[in-house]
Every structure is written in structure tokens, then in C-alpha cells.
PDB file of N, CA and C in Angstrom:
ATOM      1  N   MET A   1      10.138  -6.747   1.575  1.00  0.00           N
ATOM      2  CA  MET A   1      10.363  -6.071   0.314  1.00  0.00           C
ATOM      3  C   MET A   1      11.783  -6.310  -0.183  1.00  0.00           C
ATOM      4  N   GLY A   2      12.703  -6.442   0.745  1.00  0.00           N
ATOM      5  CA  GLY A   2      14.083  -6.731   0.349  1.00  0.00           C
ATOM      6  C   GLY A   2      14.186  -8.066  -0.360  1.00  0.00           C
ATOM      7  N   GLY A   3      13.446  -9.049   0.142  1.00  0.00           N
ATOM      8  CA  GLY A   3      13.451 -10.363  -0.493  1.00  0.00           C
ATOM      9  C   GLY A   3      12.887 -10.316  -1.894  1.00  0.00           C
ATOM     10  N   LEU A   4      11.809  -9.567  -2.086  1.00  0.00           N
ATOM     11  CA  LEU A   4      11.236  -9.430  -3.427  1.00  0.00           C
ATOM     12  C   LEU A   4      12.193  -8.684  -4.353  1.00  0.00           C
ATOM     13  N   ALA A   5      12.844  -7.648  -3.816  1.00  0.00           N
ATOM     14  CA  ALA A   5      13.762  -6.865  -4.652  1.00  0.00           C
ATOM     15  C   ALA A   5      14.944  -7.699  -5.124  1.00  0.00           C
ATOM     16  N   PHE A   6      15.458  -8.570  -4.247  1.00  0.00           N
ATOM     17  CA  PHE A   6      16.618  -9.381  -4.612  1.00  0.00           C
ATOM     18  C   PHE A   6      16.247 -10.689  -5.313  1.00  0.00           C
ATOM     19  N   SER A   7      14.958 -11.017  -5.357  1.00  0.00           N
ATOM     20  CA  SER A   7      14.550 -12.282  -5.959  1.00  0.00           C
ATOM     21  C   SER A   7      14.626 -12.284  -7.481  1.00  0.00           C
ATOM     22  N   GLY A   8      14.525 -11.122  -8.080  1.00  0.00           N
ATOM     23  CA  GLY A   8      14.491 -11.047  -9.536  1.00  0.00           C
ATOM     24  C   GLY A   8      13.077 -11.098 -10.088  1.00  0.00           C
ATOM     25  N   TYR A   9      12.088 -11.297  -9.220  1.00  0.00           N
ATOM     26  CA  TYR A   9      10.694 -11.336  -9.659  1.00  0.00           C
ATOM     27  C   TYR A   9      10.025  -9.967  -9.597  1.00  0.00           C
ATOM     28  N   MET A  10      10.721  -9.000  -8.990  1.00  0.00           N
ATOM     29  CA  MET A  10      10.196  -7.645  -8.903  1.00  0.00           C
ATOM     30  C   MET A  10      11.365  -6.681  -9.057  1.00  0.00           C
ATOM     31  N   HIS A  11      11.134  -5.607  -9.786  1.00  0.00           N
ATOM     32  CA  HIS A  11      12.165  -4.579  -9.947  1.00  0.00           C
ATOM     33  C   HIS A  11      12.417  -3.925  -8.583  1.00  0.00           C
ATOM     34  N   PRO A  12      13.671  -3.709  -8.235  1.00  0.00           N
ATOM     35  CA  PRO A  12      13.981  -3.137  -6.916  1.00  0.00           C
ATOM     36  C   PRO A  12      13.306  -1.796  -6.632  1.00  0.00           C
ATOM     37  N   TRP A  13      13.140  -0.960  -7.655  1.00  0.00           N
ATOM     38  CA  TRP A  13      12.510   0.342  -7.418  1.00  0.00           C
ATOM     39  C   TRP A  13      11.040   0.202  -7.054  1.00  0.00           C
ATOM     40  N   ILE A  14      10.361  -0.777  -7.595  1.00  0.00           N
ATOM     41  CA  ILE A  14       8.963  -1.004  -7.223  1.00  0.00           C
ATOM     42  C   ILE A  14       8.893  -1.507  -5.790  1.00  0.00           C
ATOM     43  N   ALA A  15       9.817  -2.390  -5.417  1.00  0.00           N
ATOM     44  CA  ALA A  15       9.851  -2.876  -4.030  1.00  0.00           C
ATOM     45  C   ALA A  15      10.128  -1.734  -3.059  1.00  0.00           C
ATOM     46  N   ILE A  16      11.048  -0.841  -3.409  1.00  0.00           N
ATOM     47  CA  ILE A  16      11.337   0.308  -2.556  1.00  0.00           C
ATOM     48  C   ILE A  16      10.116   1.218  -2.461  1.00  0.00           C
ATOM     49  N   GLY A  17       9.433   1.423  -3.574  1.00  0.00           N
ATOM     50  CA  GLY A  17       8.214   2.238  -3.567  1.00  0.00           C
ATOM     51  C   GLY A  17       7.145   1.645  -2.674  1.00  0.00           C
ATOM     52  N   LEU A  18       6.985   0.324  -2.724  1.00  0.00           N
ATOM     53  CA  LEU A  18       6.011  -0.334  -1.858  1.00  0.00           C
ATOM     54  C   LEU A  18       6.392  -0.183  -0.391  1.00  0.00           C
ATOM     55  N   LEU A  19       7.666  -0.314  -0.091  1.00  0.00           N
ATOM     56  CA  LEU A  19       8.121  -0.156   1.283  1.00  0.00           C
ATOM     57  C   LEU A  19       7.864   1.264   1.782  1.00  0.00           C
ATOM     58  N   VAL A  20       8.184   2.255   0.968  1.00  0.00           N
ATOM     59  CA  VAL A  20       7.961   3.649   1.359  1.00  0.00           C
ATOM     60  C   VAL A  20       6.467   3.918   1.551  1.00  0.00           C
ATOM     61  N   ALA A  21       5.637   3.435   0.635  1.00  0.00           N
ATOM     62  CA  ALA A  21       4.192   3.635   0.762  1.00  0.00           C
ATOM     63  C   ALA A  21       3.655   2.959   2.016  1.00  0.00           C
ATOM     64  N   PHE A  22       4.131   1.761   2.313  1.00  0.00           N
ATOM     65  CA  PHE A  22       3.697   1.053   3.514  1.00  0.00           C
ATOM     66  C   PHE A  22       4.101   1.828   4.773  1.00  0.00           C
ATOM     67  N   LEU A  23       5.332   2.328   4.793  1.00  0.00           N
ATOM     68  CA  LEU A  23       5.785   3.095   5.945  1.00  0.00           C
ATOM     69  C   LEU A  23       5.005   4.392   6.096  1.00  0.00           C
ATOM     70  N   MET A  24       4.659   5.032   4.990  1.00  0.00           N
ATOM     71  CA  MET A  24       3.865   6.264   5.061  1.00  0.00           C
ATOM     72  C   MET A  24       2.463   5.981   5.583  1.00  0.00           C
ATOM     73  N   LEU A  25       1.862   4.873   5.167  1.00  0.00           N
ATOM     74  CA  LEU A  25       0.558   4.499   5.710  1.00  0.00           C
ATOM     75  C   LEU A  25       0.659   4.187   7.201  1.00  0.00           C
ATOM     76  N   SER A  26       1.754   3.556   7.598  1.00  0.00           N
ATOM     77  CA  SER A  26       1.959   3.271   9.020  1.00  0.00           C
ATOM     78  C   SER A  26       2.063   4.570   9.811  1.00  0.00           C
ATOM     79  N   ILE A  27       2.843   5.521   9.319  1.00  0.00           N
ATOM     80  CA  ILE A  27       2.998   6.807   9.994  1.00  0.00           C
ATOM     81  C   ILE A  27       1.658   7.525  10.082  1.00  0.00           C
ATOM     82  N   GLN A  28       0.899   7.485   8.999  1.00  0.00           N
ATOM     83  CA  GLN A  28      -0.422   8.118   9.001  1.00  0.00           C
ATOM     84  C   GLN A  28      -1.304   7.474  10.067  1.00  0.00           C
ATOM     85  N   SER A  29      -1.233   6.171  10.194  1.00  0.00           N
ATOM     86  CA  SER A  29      -2.022   5.461  11.191  1.00  0.00           C
ATOM     87  C   SER A  29      -1.576   5.829  12.604  1.00  0.00           C
ATOM     88  N   TYR A  30      -0.266   5.935  12.819  1.00  0.00           N
ATOM     89  CA  TYR A  30       0.247   6.314  14.148  1.00  0.00           C
ATOM     90  C   TYR A  30      -0.155   7.739  14.506  1.00  0.00           C
ATOM     91  N   LEU A  31      -0.087   8.653  13.538  1.00  0.00           N
ATOM     92  CA  LEU A  31      -0.493  10.029  13.803  1.00  0.00           C
ATOM     93  C   LEU A  31      -1.989  10.119  14.105  1.00  0.00           C
ATOM     94  N   ALA A  32      -2.798   9.355  13.387  1.00  0.00           N
ATOM     95  CA  ALA A  32      -4.235   9.345  13.656  1.00  0.00           C
ATOM     96  C   ALA A  32      -4.513   8.777  15.047  1.00  0.00           C
ATOM     97  N   THR A  33      -3.747   7.781  15.442  1.00  0.00           N
ATOM     98  CA  THR A  33      -3.914   7.216  16.783  1.00  0.00           C
ATOM     99  C   THR A  33      -3.579   8.263  17.838  1.00  0.00           C
ATOM    100  N   HIS A  34      -2.512   8.989  17.633  1.00  0.00           N
ATOM    101  CA  HIS A  34      -2.094   9.995  18.611  1.00  0.00           C
ATOM    102  C   HIS A  34      -3.057  11.182  18.659  1.00  0.00           C
ATOM    103  N   THR A  35      -3.470  11.691  17.512  1.00  0.00           N
ATOM    104  CA  THR A  35      -4.269  12.915  17.474  1.00  0.00           C
ATOM    105  C   THR A  35      -5.765  12.667  17.621  1.00  0.00           C
ATOM    106  N   LEU A  36      -6.269  11.578  17.052  1.00  0.00           N
ATOM    107  CA  LEU A  36      -7.699  11.312  17.068  1.00  0.00           C
ATOM    108  C   LEU A  36      -8.107  10.235  18.075  1.00  0.00           C
ATOM    109  N   GLY A  37      -7.131   9.473  18.551  1.00  0.00           N
ATOM    110  CA  GLY A  37      -7.435   8.428  19.521  1.00  0.00           C
ATOM    111  C   GLY A  37      -8.036   7.176  18.912  1.00  0.00           C
ATOM    112  N   GLU A  38      -7.842   6.978  17.629  1.00  0.00           N
ATOM    113  CA  GLU A  38      -8.355   5.752  16.986  1.00  0.00           C
ATOM    114  C   GLU A  38      -7.244   5.102  16.174  1.00  0.00           C
ATOM    115  N   PHE A  39      -7.134   3.788  16.338  1.00  0.00           N
ATOM    116  CA  PHE A  39      -6.087   3.033  15.642  1.00  0.00           C
ATOM    117  C   PHE A  39      -6.708   2.217  14.527  1.00  0.00           C
ATOM    118  N   ARG A  40      -6.166   2.346  13.328  1.00  0.00           N
ATOM    119  CA  ARG A  40      -6.640   1.579  12.169  1.00  0.00           C
ATOM    120  C   ARG A  40      -5.550   0.647  11.701  1.00  0.00           C
ATOM    121  N   LEU A  41      -5.871  -0.624  11.666  1.00  0.00           N
ATOM    122  CA  LEU A  41      -4.934  -1.598  11.133  1.00  0.00           C
ATOM    123  C   LEU A  41      -5.263  -1.907   9.675  1.00  0.00           C
ATOM    124  N   SER A  42      -6.523  -1.705   9.305  1.00  0.00           N
ATOM    125  CA  SER A  42      -6.992  -1.990   7.948  1.00  0.00           C
ATOM    126  C   SER A  42      -7.506  -0.710   7.307  1.00  0.00           C
ATOM    127  N   PHE A  43      -7.344  -0.628   6.001  1.00  0.00           N
ATOM    128  CA  PHE A  43      -7.866   0.496   5.237  1.00  0.00           C
ATOM    129  C   PHE A  43      -8.781  -0.070   4.157  1.00  0.00           C
ATOM    130  N   TRP A  44     -10.015   0.400   4.131  1.00  0.00           N
ATOM    131  CA  TRP A  44     -11.024  -0.066   3.171  1.00  0.00           C
ATOM    132  C   TRP A  44     -11.123  -1.591   3.183  1.00  0.00           C
ATOM    133  N   ARG A  45     -11.161  -2.146   4.382  1.00  0.00           N
ATOM    134  CA  ARG A  45     -11.273  -3.597   4.599  1.00  0.00           C
ATOM    135  C   ARG A  45     -10.106  -4.388   4.013  1.00  0.00           C
ATOM    136  N   PHE A  46      -8.976  -3.743   3.866  1.00  0.00           N
ATOM    137  CA  PHE A  46      -7.786  -4.407   3.352  1.00  0.00           C
ATOM    138  C   PHE A  46      -6.702  -4.260   4.400  1.00  0.00           C
ATOM    139  N   GLY A  47      -6.407  -5.358   5.060  1.00  0.00           N
ATOM    140  CA  GLY A  47      -5.444  -5.336   6.144  1.00  0.00           C
ATOM    141  C   GLY A  47      -4.346  -6.366   5.945  1.00  0.00           C
ATOM    142  N   PRO A  48      -3.628  -6.685   7.009  1.00  0.00           N
ATOM    143  CA  PRO A  48      -2.499  -7.615   6.918  1.00  0.00           C
ATOM    144  C   PRO A  48      -2.888  -9.017   6.433  1.00  0.00           C
ATOM    145  N   THR A  49      -4.020  -9.527   6.893  1.00  0.00           N
ATOM    146  CA  THR A  49      -4.437 -10.877   6.475  1.00  0.00           C
ATOM    147  C   THR A  49      -4.752 -10.912   4.984  1.00  0.00           C
ATOM    148  N   GLU A  50      -5.448  -9.902   4.500  1.00  0.00           N
ATOM    149  CA  GLU A  50      -5.764  -9.849   3.071  1.00  0.00           C
ATOM    150  C   GLU A  50      -4.491  -9.707   2.236  1.00  0.00           C
ATOM    151  N   LEU A  51      -3.539  -8.946   2.749  1.00  0.00           N
ATOM    152  CA  LEU A  51      -2.262  -8.806   2.041  1.00  0.00           C
ATOM    153  C   LEU A  51      -1.546 -10.143   1.948  1.00  0.00           C
ATOM    154  N   ARG A  52      -1.550 -10.900   3.043  1.00  0.00           N
ATOM    155  CA  ARG A  52      -0.913 -12.226   3.019  1.00  0.00           C
ATOM    156  C   ARG A  52      -1.607 -13.154   2.024  1.00  0.00           C
ATOM    157  N   LEU A  53      -2.932 -13.143   1.994  1.00  0.00           N
ATOM    158  CA  LEU A  53      -3.672 -13.983   1.044  1.00  0.00           C
ATOM    159  C   LEU A  53      -3.373 -13.572  -0.401  1.00  0.00           C
ATOM    160  N   LEU A  54      -3.249 -12.273  -0.632  1.00  0.00           N
ATOM    161  CA  LEU A  54      -2.915 -11.785  -1.972  1.00  0.00           C
ATOM    162  C   LEU A  54      -1.513 -12.230  -2.373  1.00  0.00           C
ATOM    163  N   LEU A  55      -0.565 -12.205  -1.439  1.00  0.00           N
ATOM    164  CA  LEU A  55       0.791 -12.666  -1.741  1.00  0.00           C
ATOM    165  C   LEU A  55       0.841 -14.166  -1.992  1.00  0.00           C
ATOM    166  N   VAL A  56       0.023 -14.941  -1.273  1.00  0.00           N
ATOM    167  CA  VAL A  56      -0.057 -16.386  -1.528  1.00  0.00           C
ATOM    168  C   VAL A  56      -0.584 -16.630  -2.942  1.00  0.00           C
ATOM    169  N   ALA A  57      -1.655 -15.920  -3.309  1.00  0.00           N
ATOM    170  CA  ALA A  57      -2.215 -16.074  -4.653  1.00  0.00           C
ATOM    171  C   ALA A  57      -1.198 -15.642  -5.714  1.00  0.00           C
ATOM    172  N   GLY A  58      -0.460 -14.558  -5.435  1.00  0.00           N
ATOM    173  CA  GLY A  58       0.565 -14.101  -6.376  1.00  0.00           C
ATOM    174  C   GLY A  58       1.682 -15.113  -6.540  1.00  0.00           C
ATOM    175  N   ASN A  59       2.104 -15.735  -5.453  1.00  0.00           N
ATOM    176  CA  ASN A  59       3.152 -16.753  -5.538  1.00  0.00           C
ATOM    177  C   ASN A  59       2.685 -17.975  -6.310  1.00  0.00           C
ATOM    178  N   LEU A  60       1.444 -18.369  -6.116  1.00  0.00           N
ATOM    179  CA  LEU A  60       0.908 -19.502  -6.886  1.00  0.00           C
ATOM    180  C   LEU A  60       0.811 -19.149  -8.365  1.00  0.00           C
ATOM    181  N   ALA A  61       0.382 -17.927  -8.666  1.00  0.00           N
ATOM    182  CA  ALA A  61       0.314 -17.483 -10.061  1.00  0.00           C
ATOM    183  C   ALA A  61       1.709 -17.381 -10.669  1.00  0.00           C
ATOM    184  N   LEU A  62       2.693 -17.028  -9.852  1.00  0.00           N
ATOM    185  CA  LEU A  62       4.073 -16.912 -10.317  1.00  0.00           C
ATOM    186  C   LEU A  62       4.623 -18.259 -10.788  1.00  0.00           C
ATOM    187  N   LEU A  63       4.202 -19.332 -10.149  1.00  0.00           N
ATOM    188  CA  LEU A  63       4.613 -20.668 -10.588  1.00  0.00           C
ATOM    189  C   LEU A  63       4.079 -20.987 -11.973  1.00  0.00           C
ATOM    190  N   TRP A  64       2.876 -20.512 -12.252  1.00  0.00           N
ATOM    191  CA  TRP A  64       2.212 -20.820 -13.514  1.00  0.00           C
ATOM    192  C   TRP A  64       2.670 -19.879 -14.628  1.00  0.00           C
ATOM    193  N   LYS A  65       2.747 -18.588 -14.321  1.00  0.00           N
ATOM    194  CA  LYS A  65       3.042 -17.607 -15.371  1.00  0.00           C
ATOM    195  C   LYS A  65       3.788 -16.419 -14.758  1.00  0.00           C
ATOM    196  N   PRO A  66       5.136 -16.407 -14.812  1.00  0.00           N
ATOM    197  CA  PRO A  66       5.902 -15.328 -14.178  1.00  0.00           C
ATOM    198  C   PRO A  66       5.867 -13.997 -14.931  1.00  0.00           C
ATOM    199  N   ARG A  67       5.456 -14.020 -16.181  1.00  0.00           N
ATOM    200  CA  ARG A  67       5.361 -12.782 -16.964  1.00  0.00           C
ATOM    201  C   ARG A  67       3.935 -12.636 -17.482  1.00  0.00           C
ATOM    202  N   VAL A  68       3.490 -11.389 -17.555  1.00  0.00           N
ATOM    203  CA  VAL A  68       2.143 -11.115 -18.057  1.00  0.00           C
ATOM    204  C   VAL A  68       2.232 -10.209 -19.272  1.00  0.00           C
ATOM    205  N   HIS A  69       1.313 -10.392 -20.186  1.00  0.00           N
ATOM    206  CA  HIS A  69       1.242  -9.570 -21.391  1.00  0.00           C
ATOM    207  C   HIS A  69       0.255  -8.448 -21.113  1.00  0.00           C
ATOM    208  N   LEU A  70       0.764  -7.212 -21.164  1.00  0.00           N
ATOM    209  CA  LEU A  70      -0.066  -6.059 -20.841  1.00  0.00           C
ATOM    210  C   LEU A  70       0.277  -4.921 -21.788  1.00  0.00           C
ATOM    211  N   LEU A  71      -0.719  -4.426 -22.492  1.00  0.00           N
ATOM    212  CA  LEU A  71      -0.550  -3.299 -23.422  1.00  0.00           C
ATOM    213  C   LEU A  71       0.528  -3.557 -24.464  1.00  0.00           C
ATOM    214  N   GLY A  72       0.575  -4.771 -24.972  1.00  0.00           N
ATOM    215  CA  GLY A  72       1.508  -5.111 -26.043  1.00  0.00           C
ATOM    216  C   GLY A  72       2.921  -5.426 -25.583  1.00  0.00           C
ATOM    217  N   GLU A  73       3.178  -5.407 -24.298  1.00  0.00           N
ATOM    218  CA  GLU A  73       4.507  -5.688 -23.753  1.00  0.00           C
ATOM    219  C   GLU A  73       4.403  -6.797 -22.713  1.00  0.00           C
ATOM    220  N   TYR A  74       5.541  -7.407 -22.409  1.00  0.00           N
ATOM    221  CA  TYR A  74       5.602  -8.410 -21.347  1.00  0.00           C
ATOM    222  C   TYR A  74       6.282  -7.807 -20.121  1.00  0.00           C
ATOM    223  N   TYR A  75       5.652  -8.003 -18.965  1.00  0.00           N
ATOM    224  CA  TYR A  75       6.163  -7.496 -17.696  1.00  0.00           C
ATOM    225  C   TYR A  75       6.204  -8.624 -16.675  1.00  0.00           C
ATOM    226  N   LYS A  76       7.053  -8.441 -15.660  1.00  0.00           N
ATOM    227  CA  LYS A  76       7.083  -9.393 -14.561  1.00  0.00           C
ATOM    228  C   LYS A  76       5.767  -9.290 -13.792  1.00  0.00           C
ATOM    229  N   LEU A  77       5.244 -10.435 -13.383  1.00  0.00           N
ATOM    230  CA  LEU A  77       3.959 -10.468 -12.684  1.00  0.00           C
ATOM    231  C   LEU A  77       3.980  -9.582 -11.447  1.00  0.00           C
ATOM    232  N   PHE A  78       5.041  -9.665 -10.646  1.00  0.00           N
ATOM    233  CA  PHE A  78       5.090  -8.888  -9.416  1.00  0.00           C
ATOM    234  C   PHE A  78       5.351  -7.404  -9.674  1.00  0.00           C
ATOM    235  N   ASP A  79       5.901  -7.053 -10.836  1.00  0.00           N
ATOM    236  CA  ASP A  79       6.021  -5.641 -11.183  1.00  0.00           C
ATOM    237  C   ASP A  79       4.642  -5.038 -11.413  1.00  0.00           C
ATOM    238  N   VAL A  80       3.798  -5.766 -12.114  1.00  0.00           N
ATOM    239  CA  VAL A  80       2.436  -5.290 -12.370  1.00  0.00           C
ATOM    240  C   VAL A  80       1.655  -5.223 -11.063  1.00  0.00           C
ATOM    241  N   GLY A  81       1.718  -6.307 -10.284  1.00  0.00           N
ATOM    242  CA  GLY A  81       1.015  -6.319  -9.004  1.00  0.00           C
ATOM    243  C   GLY A  81       1.534  -5.256  -8.054  1.00  0.00           C
ATOM    244  N   GLY A  82       2.842  -5.063  -8.043  1.00  0.00           N
ATOM    245  CA  GLY A  82       3.433  -4.040  -7.179  1.00  0.00           C
ATOM    246  C   GLY A  82       3.021  -2.639  -7.588  1.00  0.00           C
ATOM    247  N   ALA A  83       2.964  -2.386  -8.891  1.00  0.00           N
ATOM    248  CA  ALA A  83       2.535  -1.069  -9.377  1.00  0.00           C
ATOM    249  C   ALA A  83       1.082  -0.797  -9.003  1.00  0.00           C
ATOM    250  N   ILE A  84       0.242  -1.826  -9.119  1.00  0.00           N
ATOM    251  CA  ILE A  84      -1.167  -1.673  -8.719  1.00  0.00           C
ATOM    252  C   ILE A  84      -1.264  -1.435  -7.216  1.00  0.00           C
ATOM    253  N   GLY A  85      -0.497  -2.200  -6.441  1.00  0.00           N
ATOM    254  CA  GLY A  85      -0.491  -2.019  -4.996  1.00  0.00           C
ATOM    255  C   GLY A  85       0.020  -0.654  -4.585  1.00  0.00           C
ATOM    256  N   LEU A  86       1.049  -0.180  -5.271  1.00  0.00           N
ATOM    257  CA  LEU A  86       1.604   1.131  -4.985  1.00  0.00           C
ATOM    258  C   LEU A  86       0.586   2.234  -5.268  1.00  0.00           C
ATOM    259  N   ALA A  87      -0.114   2.116  -6.377  1.00  0.00           N
ATOM    260  CA  ALA A  87      -1.144   3.106  -6.706  1.00  0.00           C
ATOM    261  C   ALA A  87      -2.273   3.065  -5.670  1.00  0.00           C
ATOM    262  N   GLY A  88      -2.679   1.878  -5.273  1.00  0.00           N
ATOM    263  CA  GLY A  88      -3.740   1.749  -4.271  1.00  0.00           C
ATOM    264  C   GLY A  88      -3.342   2.341  -2.929  1.00  0.00           C
ATOM    265  N   MET A  89      -2.108   2.080  -2.510  1.00  0.00           N
ATOM    266  CA  MET A  89      -1.655   2.633  -1.232  1.00  0.00           C
ATOM    267  C   MET A  89      -1.518   4.147  -1.305  1.00  0.00           C
ATOM    268  N   ALA A  90      -1.114   4.674  -2.454  1.00  0.00           N
ATOM    269  CA  ALA A  90      -1.017   6.129  -2.608  1.00  0.00           C
ATOM    270  C   ALA A  90      -2.396   6.775  -2.499  1.00  0.00           C
ATOM    271  N   VAL A  91      -3.394   6.161  -3.127  1.00  0.00           N
ATOM    272  CA  VAL A  91      -4.766   6.682  -3.036  1.00  0.00           C
ATOM    273  C   VAL A  91      -5.260   6.625  -1.588  1.00  0.00           C
ATOM    274  N   MET A  92      -5.001   5.509  -0.894  1.00  0.00           N
ATOM    275  CA  MET A  92      -5.403   5.394   0.513  1.00  0.00           C
ATOM    276  C   MET A  92      -4.731   6.458   1.366  1.00  0.00           C
ATOM    277  N   LEU A  93      -3.452   6.677   1.134  1.00  0.00           N
ATOM    278  CA  LEU A  93      -2.705   7.654   1.921  1.00  0.00           C
ATOM    279  C   LEU A  93      -3.278   9.054   1.735  1.00  0.00           C
ATOM    280  N   VAL A  94      -3.524   9.447   0.502  1.00  0.00           N
ATOM    281  CA  VAL A  94      -4.076  10.775   0.235  1.00  0.00           C
ATOM    282  C   VAL A  94      -5.480  10.895   0.828  1.00  0.00           C
ATOM    283  N   PHE A  95      -6.311   9.881   0.639  1.00  0.00           N
ATOM    284  CA  PHE A  95      -7.692   9.937   1.114  1.00  0.00           C
ATOM    285  C   PHE A  95      -7.759  10.033   2.635  1.00  0.00           C
ATOM    286  N   PHE A  96      -7.075   9.130   3.340  1.00  0.00           N
ATOM    287  CA  PHE A  96      -7.175   9.111   4.788  1.00  0.00           C
ATOM    288  C   PHE A  96      -6.442  10.277   5.442  1.00  0.00           C
ATOM    289  N   THR A  97      -5.369  10.761   4.833  1.00  0.00           N
ATOM    290  CA  THR A  97      -4.704  11.951   5.355  1.00  0.00           C
ATOM    291  C   THR A  97      -5.622  13.161   5.223  1.00  0.00           C
ATOM    292  N   GLY A  98      -6.270  13.300   4.067  1.00  0.00           N
ATOM    293  CA  GLY A  98      -7.228  14.390   3.883  1.00  0.00           C
ATOM    294  C   GLY A  98      -8.421  14.270   4.820  1.00  0.00           C
ATOM    295  N   GLN A  99      -8.914  13.058   4.981  1.00  0.00           N
ATOM    296  CA  GLN A  99     -10.053  12.831   5.870  1.00  0.00           C
ATOM    297  C   GLN A  99      -9.697  13.186   7.317  1.00  0.00           C
ATOM    298  N   ASN A 100      -8.539  12.746   7.767  1.00  0.00           N
ATOM    299  CA  ASN A 100      -8.129  13.046   9.139  1.00  0.00           C
ATOM    300  C   ASN A 100      -7.816  14.528   9.323  1.00  0.00           C
ATOM    301  N   GLY A 101      -7.208  15.143   8.325  1.00  0.00           N
ATOM    302  CA  GLY A 101      -6.941  16.578   8.402  1.00  0.00           C
ATOM    303  C   GLY A 101      -8.227  17.385   8.481  1.00  0.00           C
ATOM    304  N   LEU A 102      -9.223  17.018   7.688  1.00  0.00           N
ATOM    305  CA  LEU A 102     -10.519  17.694   7.720  1.00  0.00           C
ATOM    306  C   LEU A 102     -11.199  17.489   9.071  1.00  0.00           C
ATOM    307  N   ARG A 103     -11.103  16.289   9.587  1.00  0.00           N
ATOM    308  CA  ARG A 103     -11.704  15.996  10.899  1.00  0.00           C
ATOM    309  C   ARG A 103     -11.036  16.819  11.997  1.00  0.00           C
ATOM    310  N   LEU A 104      -9.719  16.928  11.969  1.00  0.00           N
ATOM    311  CA  LEU A 104      -9.013  17.744  12.956  1.00  0.00           C
ATOM    312  C   LEU A 104      -9.355  19.223  12.793  1.00  0.00           C
ATOM    313  N   TYR A 105      -9.495  19.665  11.561  1.00  0.00           N
ATOM    314  CA  TYR A 105      -9.858  21.060  11.310  1.00  0.00           C
ATOM    315  C   TYR A 105     -11.232  21.373  11.881  1.00  0.00           C
ATOM    316  N   ARG A 106     -12.186  20.476  11.668  1.00  0.00           N
ATOM    317  CA  ARG A 106     -13.549  20.683  12.182  1.00  0.00           C
ATOM    318  C   ARG A 106     -13.609  20.612  13.705  1.00  0.00           C
ATOM    319  N   ASP A 107     -12.763  19.790  14.300  1.00  0.00           N
ATOM    320  CA  ASP A 107     -12.761  19.636  15.760  1.00  0.00           C
ATOM    321  C   ASP A 107     -12.029  20.773  16.469  1.00  0.00           C
ATOM    322  N   GLU A 108     -11.220  21.522  15.752  1.00  0.00           N
ATOM    323  CA  GLU A 108     -10.454  22.612  16.346  1.00  0.00           C
ATOM    324  C   GLU A 108     -11.389  23.754  16.707  1.00  0.00           C
ATOM    325  N   LYS A 109     -11.280  24.182  17.932  1.00  0.00           N
ATOM    326  CA  LYS A 109     -12.090  25.333  18.388  1.00  0.00           C
ATOM    327  C   LYS A 109     -11.258  26.595  18.193  1.00  0.00           C
ATOM    328  N   VAL A 110     -11.729  27.480  17.365  1.00  0.00           N
ATOM    329  CA  VAL A 110     -11.007  28.718  17.082  1.00  0.00           C
ATOM    330  C   VAL A 110     -11.579  29.820  17.975  1.00  0.00           C
ATOM    331  N   ALA A 111     -10.710  30.443  18.774  1.00  0.00           N
ATOM    332  CA  ALA A 111     -11.139  31.539  19.647  1.00  0.00           C
ATOM    333  C   ALA A 111     -11.283  32.805  18.835  1.00  0.00           C
ATOM    334  N   GLN A 112     -12.391  33.514  19.065  1.00  0.00           N
ATOM    335  CA  GLN A 112     -12.619  34.731  18.295  1.00  0.00           C
ATOM    336  C   GLN A 112     -12.716  35.917  19.186  1.00  0.00           C
TER     337      GLN A 112
END
């Protein structure tokens, strides 16, 4: 993310947001491993390999068209892609955190 932030192809705040979202997903995965005993490397069939393929496609598209026209304005290609990725990771984080929290709640035996 540091390389993207300093490259000029992505706004630094979007790169920082992606880094924070990635770290939060990692923490969520580590907590699920510790509490539930299951390790997830991929979320909704989107894992490290798919991310690498998406970055390869983005780099190839960057050679052809570094700016995209969206809603009447021009934006950097990686800013748009980063914003979409950030939104997707935020949705994954909320969904899987809620799912794991509900699972832990149901598994908890309450003494009466």
C-alpha cells in the first residue's frame, strides 16, 4: 500500500484505508481462529490469489487508461478501484464479524 500511495496512481488516504481494512480483516480472521478454531484465508471466494490477479489486471488497465470518467468527473483508476475494494472489505468485515459473534453467542452455555 505504501508503494501505491507514493506512486501517484492512488490517493494516499485511499491506500491507508485499504491497509487498515486489510489489517482489520486479518485481525477478524485471527480472532475467529482463536475462538472458533477455524482459519479463513479467503472471504466469499476472494483470497490472496484473486487479489493478485485483480492487481495485474489493474496494472494492465493503468497502461491503457490511467483515468476513468465516472459521474461526470475524471478520477484516477486506482482511486476508483481502491474505493470499491475498501467498500467490499468493509462489508466483509461487518458481515463476518456479525456472523462469528452470533455463532459465539449461540454456542455460549448460559447457566440458569
